Amino acid sequence: NHGFRTFEEFLSTLPSKRRNSIRRERRDASSQVEVRVVDGTFPGLAGYLADFYGSTAERYTGERGYVTPAFFEILCARWAHRVHSVLALDGTRVIAGTFNVQKGRRLYGRWWGCREERPFLHFEVALYRAIDACIENADCGASERCISRVCEPQFCAADSGCLAGRVCVGGQCAAAGGPQGCDSDLQCAAGE
């Protein structure tokens, strides 16, 4: 967060065409579903997160992905205080979601998935609500793909501790955990 107090203030730094496009995307996505931001966990959250991750992995690779449902159970059990998720509800049905991990004032992640495709829902749930959270109380550690969509990426210097070509945000590598890598609990939970 470069000192923005509101999402609109953030948008004011973007070209007019991009600002208007994002406003329309947010309005259209929010008119279809209720979007809830959840800090912490609740019973069943790990199942939703595993399902959403698996559906996205399957869509792009034909397989359910390398991260197991047990990973999400461990994540929610050990890191309940760090889990930051965004869920989209159609009535009482959770149809999409993403999860991030918050450490200190940084927010990392953006693992997204959905049960039903809706126009612009991906951007609202996986990106714009995370930017809102960063503006409210954290700094982002977002993925290169999402940063390039709305922010100004900086590429890490070879001696910064990041892998060459990774995106930096606020001097930190945008990979989970920054240049130091993941916390040991997450690495163990992911089987690394």
N, C-alpha and C. Protein backbone atom coordinates (compact mmCIF):
# COMPACT_ATOMS: atom_id res chain seq x y z
N ASN A 1 0.85 -1.18 0.00
CA ASN A 1 0.00 0.00 0.00
C ASN A 1 0.89 1.23 0.00
N HIS A 2 0.72 2.04 -0.99
CA HIS A 2 1.51 3.25 -1.12
C HIS A 2 0.82 4.43 -0.46
N GLY A 3 0.22 4.19 0.70
CA GLY A 3 -0.43 5.26 1.43
C GLY A 3 -1.87 5.52 1.02
N PHE A 4 -2.47 4.62 0.25
CA PHE A 4 -3.86 4.81 -0.16
C PHE A 4 -4.78 4.62 1.03
N ARG A 5 -5.82 5.45 1.13
CA ARG A 5 -6.79 5.32 2.20
C ARG A 5 -8.05 4.61 1.75
N THR A 6 -8.31 4.60 0.45
CA THR A 6 -9.50 3.95 -0.09
C THR A 6 -9.17 3.29 -1.43
N PHE A 7 -10.03 2.39 -1.86
CA PHE A 7 -9.86 1.76 -3.17
C PHE A 7 -9.96 2.82 -4.26
N GLU A 8 -10.86 3.78 -4.10
CA GLU A 8 -11.00 4.86 -5.08
C GLU A 8 -9.72 5.67 -5.20
N GLU A 9 -9.06 5.89 -4.08
CA GLU A 9 -7.78 6.61 -4.11
C GLU A 9 -6.75 5.81 -4.89
N PHE A 10 -6.74 4.51 -4.69
CA PHE A 10 -5.87 3.62 -5.47
C PHE A 10 -6.20 3.73 -6.96
N LEU A 11 -7.50 3.68 -7.28
CA LEU A 11 -7.91 3.76 -8.68
C LEU A 11 -7.49 5.07 -9.33
N SER A 12 -7.44 6.12 -8.55
CA SER A 12 -7.09 7.43 -9.11
C SER A 12 -5.69 7.45 -9.72
N THR A 13 -4.86 6.47 -9.38
CA THR A 13 -3.50 6.41 -9.94
C THR A 13 -3.47 5.70 -11.29
N LEU A 14 -4.58 5.10 -11.68
CA LEU A 14 -4.64 4.34 -12.93
C LEU A 14 -5.20 5.20 -14.06
N PRO A 15 -4.92 4.83 -15.30
CA PRO A 15 -5.51 5.56 -16.43
C PRO A 15 -7.04 5.48 -16.38
N SER A 16 -7.70 6.46 -16.93
CA SER A 16 -9.16 6.57 -16.88
C SER A 16 -9.85 5.32 -17.40
N LYS A 17 -9.39 4.79 -18.51
CA LYS A 17 -10.03 3.60 -19.10
C LYS A 17 -9.96 2.42 -18.12
N ARG A 18 -8.83 2.24 -17.47
CA ARG A 18 -8.65 1.14 -16.53
C ARG A 18 -9.52 1.35 -15.28
N ARG A 19 -9.56 2.60 -14.77
CA ARG A 19 -10.41 2.92 -13.60
C ARG A 19 -11.87 2.56 -13.88
N ASN A 20 -12.37 3.00 -15.03
CA ASN A 20 -13.77 2.75 -15.38
C ASN A 20 -14.04 1.27 -15.57
N SER A 21 -13.09 0.57 -16.15
CA SER A 21 -13.24 -0.87 -16.36
C SER A 21 -13.32 -1.60 -15.01
N ILE A 22 -12.46 -1.26 -14.08
CA ILE A 22 -12.45 -1.90 -12.76
C ILE A 22 -13.74 -1.59 -12.01
N ARG A 23 -14.18 -0.33 -12.06
CA ARG A 23 -15.44 0.02 -11.39
C ARG A 23 -16.60 -0.80 -11.95
N ARG A 24 -16.66 -0.97 -13.26
CA ARG A 24 -17.73 -1.75 -13.90
C ARG A 24 -17.64 -3.21 -13.50
N GLU A 25 -16.42 -3.77 -13.51
CA GLU A 25 -16.21 -5.16 -13.11
C GLU A 25 -16.67 -5.39 -11.67
N ARG A 26 -16.31 -4.49 -10.78
CA ARG A 26 -16.71 -4.64 -9.37
C ARG A 26 -18.22 -4.55 -9.22
N ARG A 27 -18.83 -3.60 -9.88
CA ARG A 27 -20.28 -3.43 -9.80
C ARG A 27 -20.99 -4.67 -10.35
N ASP A 28 -20.56 -5.15 -11.51
CA ASP A 28 -21.20 -6.32 -12.12
C ASP A 28 -21.03 -7.58 -11.26
N ALA A 29 -19.83 -7.79 -10.74
CA ALA A 29 -19.59 -8.98 -9.91
C ALA A 29 -20.41 -8.91 -8.63
N SER A 30 -20.43 -7.76 -7.98
CA SER A 30 -21.15 -7.62 -6.70
C SER A 30 -22.66 -7.66 -6.86
N SER A 31 -23.16 -7.38 -8.06
CA SER A 31 -24.61 -7.43 -8.27
C SER A 31 -25.12 -8.88 -8.38
N GLN A 32 -24.22 -9.82 -8.63
CA GLN A 32 -24.61 -11.22 -8.84
C GLN A 32 -24.56 -12.06 -7.57
N VAL A 33 -23.66 -11.70 -6.66
CA VAL A 33 -23.41 -12.51 -5.48
C VAL A 33 -23.08 -11.61 -4.30
N GLU A 34 -23.11 -12.21 -3.11
CA GLU A 34 -22.61 -11.52 -1.92
C GLU A 34 -21.17 -11.96 -1.72
N VAL A 35 -20.28 -11.01 -1.53
CA VAL A 35 -18.87 -11.33 -1.33
C VAL A 35 -18.53 -11.02 0.13
N ARG A 36 -17.97 -12.03 0.80
CA ARG A 36 -17.60 -11.89 2.22
C ARG A 36 -16.11 -12.10 2.39
N VAL A 37 -15.51 -11.24 3.17
CA VAL A 37 -14.10 -11.38 3.55
C VAL A 37 -14.07 -12.01 4.93
N VAL A 38 -13.28 -13.07 5.07
CA VAL A 38 -13.22 -13.81 6.33
C VAL A 38 -11.78 -13.83 6.82
N ASP A 39 -11.54 -13.22 7.96
CA ASP A 39 -10.24 -13.33 8.61
C ASP A 39 -10.35 -14.42 9.64
N GLY A 40 -9.47 -15.41 9.57
CA GLY A 40 -9.55 -16.56 10.45
C GLY A 40 -10.26 -17.70 9.74
N THR A 41 -10.67 -18.68 10.51
CA THR A 41 -11.31 -19.85 9.91
C THR A 41 -12.66 -20.11 10.56
N PHE A 42 -13.39 -21.02 9.96
CA PHE A 42 -14.65 -21.51 10.51
C PHE A 42 -14.79 -22.96 10.06
N PRO A 43 -15.63 -23.75 10.71
CA PRO A 43 -15.78 -25.15 10.31
C PRO A 43 -16.18 -25.26 8.84
N GLY A 44 -15.46 -26.06 8.10
CA GLY A 44 -15.78 -26.26 6.69
C GLY A 44 -14.96 -25.40 5.74
N LEU A 45 -14.26 -24.37 6.25
CA LEU A 45 -13.49 -23.50 5.36
C LEU A 45 -12.42 -24.27 4.60
N ALA A 46 -11.70 -25.15 5.29
CA ALA A 46 -10.63 -25.91 4.63
C ALA A 46 -11.18 -26.72 3.45
N GLY A 47 -12.38 -27.27 3.60
CA GLY A 47 -13.00 -28.02 2.50
C GLY A 47 -13.31 -27.14 1.31
N TYR A 48 -13.84 -25.95 1.57
CA TYR A 48 -14.10 -25.01 0.47
C TYR A 48 -12.79 -24.64 -0.24
N LEU A 49 -11.77 -24.30 0.53
CA LEU A 49 -10.50 -23.89 -0.06
C LEU A 49 -9.88 -25.00 -0.89
N ALA A 50 -9.91 -26.24 -0.37
CA ALA A 50 -9.37 -27.37 -1.11
C ALA A 50 -10.15 -27.61 -2.40
N ASP A 51 -11.46 -27.50 -2.32
CA ASP A 51 -12.32 -27.68 -3.49
C ASP A 51 -12.03 -26.63 -4.55
N PHE A 52 -11.92 -25.38 -4.12
CA PHE A 52 -11.67 -24.30 -5.08
C PHE A 52 -10.29 -24.42 -5.71
N TYR A 53 -9.28 -24.73 -4.89
CA TYR A 53 -7.94 -24.92 -5.44
C TYR A 53 -7.94 -26.08 -6.44
N GLY A 54 -8.55 -27.20 -6.05
CA GLY A 54 -8.59 -28.37 -6.92
C GLY A 54 -9.31 -28.11 -8.23
N SER A 55 -10.40 -27.34 -8.18
CA SER A 55 -11.16 -27.07 -9.41
C SER A 55 -10.34 -26.23 -10.39
N THR A 56 -9.58 -25.27 -9.86
CA THR A 56 -8.74 -24.45 -10.73
C THR A 56 -7.61 -25.27 -11.32
N ALA A 57 -6.94 -26.07 -10.48
CA ALA A 57 -5.85 -26.91 -10.97
C ALA A 57 -6.35 -27.86 -12.05
N GLU A 58 -7.52 -28.45 -11.81
CA GLU A 58 -8.08 -29.39 -12.78
C GLU A 58 -8.43 -28.71 -14.10
N ARG A 59 -8.93 -27.50 -14.02
CA ARG A 59 -9.30 -26.76 -15.22
C ARG A 59 -8.08 -26.52 -16.11
N TYR A 60 -6.93 -26.23 -15.48
CA TYR A 60 -5.75 -25.87 -16.26
C TYR A 60 -4.78 -27.01 -16.50
N THR A 61 -4.81 -28.05 -15.66
CA THR A 61 -3.83 -29.14 -15.83
C THR A 61 -4.47 -30.50 -16.08
N GLY A 62 -5.77 -30.60 -15.83
CA GLY A 62 -6.44 -31.88 -15.97
C GLY A 62 -6.33 -32.74 -14.72
N GLU A 63 -5.65 -32.25 -13.70
CA GLU A 63 -5.51 -32.97 -12.44
C GLU A 63 -5.90 -32.06 -11.29
N ARG A 64 -6.11 -32.62 -10.11
CA ARG A 64 -6.58 -31.84 -8.96
C ARG A 64 -5.50 -30.99 -8.29
N GLY A 65 -4.27 -31.05 -8.76
CA GLY A 65 -3.21 -30.23 -8.21
C GLY A 65 -2.37 -30.98 -7.20
N TYR A 66 -1.26 -30.37 -6.84
CA TYR A 66 -0.31 -31.02 -5.94
C TYR A 66 -0.59 -30.73 -4.47
N VAL A 67 -1.39 -29.73 -4.18
CA VAL A 67 -1.71 -29.39 -2.79
C VAL A 67 -2.93 -30.21 -2.39
N THR A 68 -2.78 -30.97 -1.33
CA THR A 68 -3.83 -31.90 -0.91
C THR A 68 -4.84 -31.23 0.01
N PRO A 69 -6.03 -31.82 0.16
CA PRO A 69 -6.99 -31.31 1.15
C PRO A 69 -6.39 -31.26 2.56
N ALA A 70 -5.49 -32.19 2.88
CA ALA A 70 -4.85 -32.18 4.20
C ALA A 70 -4.06 -30.89 4.43
N PHE A 71 -3.45 -30.36 3.37
CA PHE A 71 -2.73 -29.09 3.48
C PHE A 71 -3.66 -28.00 4.00
N PHE A 72 -4.86 -27.93 3.43
CA PHE A 72 -5.79 -26.87 3.83
C PHE A 72 -6.29 -27.09 5.26
N GLU A 73 -6.45 -28.35 5.66
CA GLU A 73 -6.83 -28.65 7.04
C GLU A 73 -5.73 -28.19 8.01
N ILE A 74 -4.47 -28.49 7.66
CA ILE A 74 -3.35 -28.09 8.50
C ILE A 74 -3.23 -26.57 8.52
N LEU A 75 -3.37 -25.95 7.37
CA LEU A 75 -3.30 -24.50 7.28
C LEU A 75 -4.33 -23.85 8.20
N CYS A 76 -5.56 -24.31 8.12
CA CYS A 76 -6.63 -23.73 8.94
C CYS A 76 -6.45 -24.03 10.42
N ALA A 77 -5.86 -25.18 10.74
CA ALA A 77 -5.65 -25.53 12.15
C ALA A 77 -4.47 -24.77 12.75
N ARG A 78 -3.35 -24.73 12.03
CA ARG A 78 -2.14 -24.13 12.59
C ARG A 78 -2.07 -22.62 12.37
N TRP A 79 -2.67 -22.15 11.31
CA TRP A 79 -2.52 -20.74 10.94
C TRP A 79 -3.86 -20.02 10.92
N ALA A 80 -4.77 -20.41 11.74
CA ALA A 80 -6.10 -19.77 11.75
C ALA A 80 -5.98 -18.26 11.86
N HIS A 81 -5.03 -17.79 12.62
CA HIS A 81 -4.83 -16.35 12.81
C HIS A 81 -4.26 -15.66 11.58
N ARG A 82 -3.77 -16.42 10.60
CA ARG A 82 -3.18 -15.84 9.39
C ARG A 82 -4.04 -16.03 8.14
N VAL A 83 -5.04 -16.88 8.22
CA VAL A 83 -5.86 -17.16 7.03
C VAL A 83 -6.78 -15.98 6.76
N HIS A 84 -6.76 -15.53 5.52
CA HIS A 84 -7.61 -14.45 5.05
C HIS A 84 -8.26 -14.97 3.77
N SER A 85 -9.56 -15.21 3.81
CA SER A 85 -10.23 -15.74 2.62
C SER A 85 -11.33 -14.80 2.17
N VAL A 86 -11.67 -14.93 0.91
CA VAL A 86 -12.76 -14.16 0.33
C VAL A 86 -13.69 -15.18 -0.33
N LEU A 87 -14.96 -15.15 0.06
CA LEU A 87 -15.93 -16.12 -0.44
C LEU A 87 -17.07 -15.40 -1.15
N ALA A 88 -17.54 -16.00 -2.24
CA ALA A 88 -18.70 -15.47 -2.96
C ALA A 88 -19.87 -16.41 -2.72
N LEU A 89 -20.99 -15.83 -2.30
CA LEU A 89 -22.18 -16.61 -2.00
C LEU A 89 -23.32 -16.23 -2.93
N ASP A 90 -23.99 -17.24 -3.42
CA ASP A 90 -25.23 -17.07 -4.17
C ASP A 90 -26.31 -17.61 -3.25
N GLY A 91 -26.98 -16.71 -2.56
CA GLY A 91 -27.90 -17.13 -1.51
C GLY A 91 -27.09 -17.70 -0.36
N THR A 92 -27.30 -18.97 -0.06
CA THR A 92 -26.54 -19.60 1.02
C THR A 92 -25.43 -20.51 0.49
N ARG A 93 -25.33 -20.63 -0.83
CA ARG A 93 -24.31 -21.50 -1.44
C ARG A 93 -23.00 -20.74 -1.67
N VAL A 94 -21.91 -21.30 -1.19
CA VAL A 94 -20.59 -20.73 -1.47
C VAL A 94 -20.19 -21.23 -2.85
N ILE A 95 -20.04 -20.31 -3.81
CA ILE A 95 -19.76 -20.71 -5.19
C ILE A 95 -18.36 -20.40 -5.65
N ALA A 96 -17.62 -19.58 -4.90
CA ALA A 96 -16.25 -19.23 -5.31
C ALA A 96 -15.49 -18.73 -4.09
N GLY A 97 -14.20 -18.79 -4.19
CA GLY A 97 -13.40 -18.28 -3.10
C GLY A 97 -11.92 -18.24 -3.42
N THR A 98 -11.23 -17.54 -2.59
CA THR A 98 -9.78 -17.46 -2.67
C THR A 98 -9.24 -17.42 -1.26
N PHE A 99 -7.99 -17.82 -1.12
CA PHE A 99 -7.41 -17.65 0.21
C PHE A 99 -6.05 -16.99 0.09
N ASN A 100 -5.78 -16.21 1.10
CA ASN A 100 -4.51 -15.52 1.24
C ASN A 100 -3.99 -15.84 2.64
N VAL A 101 -2.73 -15.60 2.84
CA VAL A 101 -2.13 -15.74 4.16
C VAL A 101 -1.59 -14.38 4.55
N GLN A 102 -1.95 -13.94 5.74
CA GLN A 102 -1.48 -12.65 6.22
C GLN A 102 -0.41 -12.88 7.26
N LYS A 103 0.71 -12.21 7.10
CA LYS A 103 1.80 -12.27 8.08
C LYS A 103 2.23 -10.84 8.35
N GLY A 104 2.06 -10.43 9.58
CA GLY A 104 2.33 -9.04 9.90
C GLY A 104 1.40 -8.15 9.10
N ARG A 105 1.96 -7.21 8.38
CA ARG A 105 1.15 -6.31 7.55
C ARG A 105 1.14 -6.73 6.08
N ARG A 106 1.64 -7.90 5.77
CA ARG A 106 1.68 -8.36 4.38
C ARG A 106 0.62 -9.43 4.13
N LEU A 107 0.07 -9.39 2.94
CA LEU A 107 -0.94 -10.35 2.52
C LEU A 107 -0.40 -11.08 1.30
N TYR A 108 -0.31 -12.41 1.40
CA TYR A 108 0.24 -13.24 0.32
C TYR A 108 -0.81 -14.22 -0.15
N GLY A 109 -0.75 -14.56 -1.42
CA GLY A 109 -1.62 -15.64 -1.87
C GLY A 109 -2.33 -15.36 -3.17
N ARG A 110 -3.60 -15.65 -3.14
CA ARG A 110 -4.52 -15.49 -4.24
C ARG A 110 -4.78 -16.83 -4.92
N TRP A 111 -4.93 -17.89 -4.17
CA TRP A 111 -5.35 -19.16 -4.74
C TRP A 111 -6.85 -19.09 -4.90
N TRP A 112 -7.31 -19.24 -6.11
CA TRP A 112 -8.69 -19.00 -6.48
C TRP A 112 -9.34 -20.26 -7.02
N GLY A 113 -10.63 -20.35 -6.87
CA GLY A 113 -11.39 -21.41 -7.50
C GLY A 113 -12.87 -21.09 -7.43
N CYS A 114 -13.64 -21.79 -8.26
CA CYS A 114 -15.09 -21.55 -8.25
C CYS A 114 -15.84 -22.80 -8.65
N ARG A 115 -17.08 -22.85 -8.24
CA ARG A 115 -18.00 -23.91 -8.66
C ARG A 115 -18.82 -23.45 -9.86
N GLU A 116 -19.01 -22.14 -9.95
CA GLU A 116 -19.77 -21.55 -11.06
C GLU A 116 -19.04 -20.32 -11.56
N GLU A 117 -18.88 -20.24 -12.86
CA GLU A 117 -18.27 -19.05 -13.48
C GLU A 117 -19.30 -17.93 -13.52
N ARG A 118 -18.89 -16.75 -13.16
CA ARG A 118 -19.71 -15.54 -13.27
C ARG A 118 -18.82 -14.44 -13.82
N PRO A 119 -19.37 -13.55 -14.64
CA PRO A 119 -18.55 -12.47 -15.19
C PRO A 119 -17.89 -11.64 -14.08
N PHE A 120 -16.59 -11.45 -14.22
CA PHE A 120 -15.76 -10.60 -13.36
C PHE A 120 -15.64 -11.08 -11.92
N LEU A 121 -16.24 -12.22 -11.58
CA LEU A 121 -16.19 -12.70 -10.20
C LEU A 121 -14.75 -12.99 -9.77
N HIS A 122 -13.97 -13.58 -10.67
CA HIS A 122 -12.58 -13.88 -10.35
C HIS A 122 -11.84 -12.64 -9.89
N PHE A 123 -11.98 -11.54 -10.60
CA PHE A 123 -11.24 -10.33 -10.25
C PHE A 123 -11.71 -9.74 -8.93
N GLU A 124 -13.02 -9.76 -8.68
CA GLU A 124 -13.54 -9.21 -7.44
C GLU A 124 -13.08 -10.03 -6.24
N VAL A 125 -13.19 -11.36 -6.35
CA VAL A 125 -12.88 -12.24 -5.22
C VAL A 125 -11.38 -12.42 -5.05
N ALA A 126 -10.65 -12.63 -6.12
CA ALA A 126 -9.24 -12.97 -6.01
C ALA A 126 -8.31 -11.76 -6.00
N LEU A 127 -8.78 -10.62 -6.44
CA LEU A 127 -7.86 -9.49 -6.56
C LEU A 127 -8.36 -8.23 -5.86
N TYR A 128 -9.51 -7.73 -6.26
CA TYR A 128 -9.94 -6.43 -5.76
C TYR A 128 -10.21 -6.43 -4.26
N ARG A 129 -10.78 -7.51 -3.73
CA ARG A 129 -11.02 -7.55 -2.28
C ARG A 129 -9.70 -7.65 -1.52
N ALA A 130 -8.69 -8.30 -2.11
CA ALA A 130 -7.38 -8.35 -1.47
C ALA A 130 -6.74 -6.97 -1.47
N ILE A 131 -6.91 -6.23 -2.54
CA ILE A 131 -6.40 -4.86 -2.58
C ILE A 131 -7.10 -4.03 -1.52
N ASP A 132 -8.42 -4.20 -1.38
CA ASP A 132 -9.14 -3.51 -0.30
C ASP A 132 -8.51 -3.81 1.06
N ALA A 133 -8.23 -5.10 1.31
CA ALA A 133 -7.65 -5.50 2.59
C ALA A 133 -6.28 -4.88 2.79
N CYS A 134 -5.49 -4.83 1.73
CA CYS A 134 -4.17 -4.23 1.83
C CYS A 134 -4.27 -2.74 2.15
N ILE A 135 -5.22 -2.08 1.53
CA ILE A 135 -5.40 -0.66 1.79
C ILE A 135 -5.84 -0.45 3.24
N GLU A 136 -6.72 -1.32 3.72
CA GLU A 136 -7.23 -1.18 5.09
C GLU A 136 -6.18 -1.47 6.16
N ASN A 137 -5.38 -2.53 5.97
CA ASN A 137 -4.52 -2.89 7.09
C ASN A 137 -3.28 -3.69 6.74
N ALA A 138 -2.90 -3.77 5.50
CA ALA A 138 -1.74 -4.60 5.17
C ALA A 138 -1.07 -4.10 3.90
N ASP A 139 0.06 -4.69 3.58
CA ASP A 139 0.75 -4.48 2.32
C ASP A 139 0.60 -5.75 1.52
N CYS A 140 0.57 -5.66 0.21
CA CYS A 140 0.35 -6.84 -0.62
C CYS A 140 1.64 -7.56 -0.96
N GLY A 141 1.52 -8.85 -1.09
CA GLY A 141 2.55 -9.70 -1.67
C GLY A 141 1.84 -10.53 -2.71
N ALA A 142 1.39 -9.90 -3.79
CA ALA A 142 0.52 -10.54 -4.77
C ALA A 142 1.31 -11.24 -5.86
N SER A 143 0.60 -12.00 -6.68
CA SER A 143 1.26 -12.71 -7.76
C SER A 143 1.55 -11.78 -8.93
N GLU A 144 2.54 -12.15 -9.72
CA GLU A 144 2.96 -11.33 -10.86
C GLU A 144 1.81 -11.06 -11.81
N ARG A 145 0.99 -12.07 -12.07
CA ARG A 145 -0.11 -11.93 -13.01
C ARG A 145 -1.10 -10.87 -12.53
N CYS A 146 -1.44 -10.89 -11.24
CA CYS A 146 -2.41 -9.93 -10.72
C CYS A 146 -1.80 -8.56 -10.56
N ILE A 147 -0.55 -8.51 -10.14
CA ILE A 147 0.09 -7.20 -10.00
C ILE A 147 0.09 -6.50 -11.35
N SER A 148 0.43 -7.21 -12.41
CA SER A 148 0.52 -6.58 -13.72
C SER A 148 -0.84 -6.11 -14.21
N ARG A 149 -1.92 -6.67 -13.68
CA ARG A 149 -3.24 -6.26 -14.10
C ARG A 149 -3.60 -4.87 -13.60
N VAL A 150 -3.20 -4.53 -12.38
CA VAL A 150 -3.61 -3.24 -11.83
C VAL A 150 -2.49 -2.42 -11.21
N CYS A 151 -1.38 -3.02 -10.88
CA CYS A 151 -0.33 -2.28 -10.18
C CYS A 151 0.88 -2.09 -11.07
N GLU A 152 1.90 -1.50 -10.52
CA GLU A 152 3.15 -1.29 -11.24
C GLU A 152 4.19 -2.25 -10.67
N PRO A 153 4.48 -3.36 -11.37
CA PRO A 153 5.45 -4.32 -10.84
C PRO A 153 6.88 -3.80 -10.95
N GLN A 154 7.71 -4.25 -10.05
CA GLN A 154 9.14 -4.02 -10.13
C GLN A 154 9.78 -5.39 -10.13
N PHE A 155 10.81 -5.57 -10.94
CA PHE A 155 11.45 -6.86 -10.99
C PHE A 155 12.65 -6.88 -10.05
N CYS A 156 12.82 -8.01 -9.36
CA CYS A 156 13.89 -8.14 -8.37
C CYS A 156 15.24 -8.12 -9.05
N ALA A 157 16.18 -7.50 -8.38
CA ALA A 157 17.56 -7.55 -8.83
C ALA A 157 18.10 -8.93 -8.48
N ALA A 158 19.09 -9.39 -9.22
CA ALA A 158 19.62 -10.74 -9.00
C ALA A 158 20.16 -10.93 -7.59
N ASP A 159 20.62 -9.85 -6.96
CA ASP A 159 21.21 -9.99 -5.63
C ASP A 159 20.22 -9.72 -4.50
N SER A 160 18.91 -9.64 -4.79
CA SER A 160 17.95 -9.29 -3.76
C SER A 160 17.47 -10.49 -2.95
N GLY A 161 17.88 -11.69 -3.32
CA GLY A 161 17.44 -12.88 -2.60
C GLY A 161 16.25 -13.54 -3.28
N CYS A 162 15.70 -12.91 -4.30
CA CYS A 162 14.58 -13.48 -5.05
C CYS A 162 15.11 -14.27 -6.24
N LEU A 163 14.26 -15.10 -6.77
CA LEU A 163 14.60 -15.75 -8.02
C LEU A 163 14.56 -14.70 -9.12
N ALA A 164 15.49 -14.74 -10.03
CA ALA A 164 15.56 -13.74 -11.09
C ALA A 164 14.24 -13.66 -11.85
N GLY A 165 13.79 -12.47 -12.12
CA GLY A 165 12.58 -12.27 -12.88
C GLY A 165 11.30 -12.24 -12.06
N ARG A 166 11.37 -12.50 -10.75
CA ARG A 166 10.18 -12.44 -9.91
C ARG A 166 9.79 -10.98 -9.70
N VAL A 167 8.57 -10.76 -9.35
CA VAL A 167 8.08 -9.41 -9.12
C VAL A 167 8.29 -9.03 -7.67
N CYS A 168 8.69 -7.79 -7.44
CA CYS A 168 8.83 -7.27 -6.08
C CYS A 168 7.70 -6.29 -5.80
N VAL A 169 7.24 -6.29 -4.57
CA VAL A 169 6.25 -5.32 -4.12
C VAL A 169 6.82 -4.71 -2.85
N GLY A 170 7.01 -3.42 -2.86
CA GLY A 170 7.55 -2.76 -1.68
C GLY A 170 8.89 -3.32 -1.25
N GLY A 171 9.72 -3.72 -2.22
CA GLY A 171 11.05 -4.24 -1.91
C GLY A 171 11.07 -5.70 -1.50
N GLN A 172 9.92 -6.36 -1.43
CA GLN A 172 9.86 -7.77 -1.06
C GLN A 172 9.47 -8.59 -2.29
N CYS A 173 10.08 -9.75 -2.42
CA CYS A 173 9.71 -10.64 -3.51
C CYS A 173 8.24 -11.03 -3.32
N ALA A 174 7.48 -11.04 -4.41
CA ALA A 174 6.06 -11.33 -4.32
C ALA A 174 5.77 -12.81 -4.11
N ALA A 175 6.79 -13.66 -4.15
CA ALA A 175 6.57 -15.07 -3.83
C ALA A 175 6.19 -15.18 -2.36
N ALA A 176 5.41 -16.18 -2.00
CA ALA A 176 4.94 -16.33 -0.62
C ALA A 176 6.10 -16.28 0.36
N GLY A 177 5.99 -15.41 1.34
CA GLY A 177 7.02 -15.29 2.35
C GLY A 177 8.15 -14.36 1.98
N GLY A 178 8.12 -13.78 0.77
CA GLY A 178 9.18 -12.87 0.37
C GLY A 178 10.46 -13.63 0.09
N PRO A 179 11.59 -12.93 0.09
CA PRO A 179 12.86 -13.55 -0.26
C PRO A 179 13.25 -14.71 0.65
N GLN A 180 12.74 -14.72 1.89
CA GLN A 180 13.14 -15.76 2.83
C GLN A 180 12.41 -17.07 2.57
N GLY A 181 11.37 -17.06 1.75
CA GLY A 181 10.61 -18.28 1.50
C GLY A 181 9.50 -18.47 2.51
N CYS A 182 8.86 -19.60 2.49
CA CYS A 182 7.72 -19.87 3.37
C CYS A 182 8.17 -20.13 4.79
N ASP A 183 7.24 -19.93 5.71
CA ASP A 183 7.48 -20.34 7.08
C ASP A 183 7.57 -21.86 7.12
N SER A 184 8.26 -22.39 8.10
CA SER A 184 8.48 -23.84 8.14
C SER A 184 7.17 -24.61 8.25
N ASP A 185 6.16 -24.07 8.96
CA ASP A 185 4.89 -24.79 9.06
C ASP A 185 4.25 -24.98 7.69
N LEU A 186 4.27 -23.94 6.88
CA LEU A 186 3.67 -24.03 5.55
C LEU A 186 4.45 -24.98 4.68
N GLN A 187 5.78 -24.94 4.75
CA GLN A 187 6.57 -25.86 3.95
C GLN A 187 6.28 -27.29 4.35
N CYS A 188 6.21 -27.54 5.65
CA CYS A 188 5.91 -28.90 6.12
C CYS A 188 4.51 -29.33 5.70
N ALA A 189 3.56 -28.41 5.79
CA ALA A 189 2.19 -28.73 5.43
C ALA A 189 2.08 -29.02 3.94
N ALA A 190 2.89 -28.34 3.13
CA ALA A 190 2.85 -28.55 1.69
C ALA A 190 3.69 -29.74 1.26
N GLY A 191 4.39 -30.37 2.21
CA GLY A 191 5.19 -31.53 1.90
C GLY A 191 6.54 -31.20 1.33
N GLU A 192 7.00 -29.96 1.52
CA GLU A 192 8.31 -29.56 0.98
C GLU A 192 9.40 -29.77 2.00
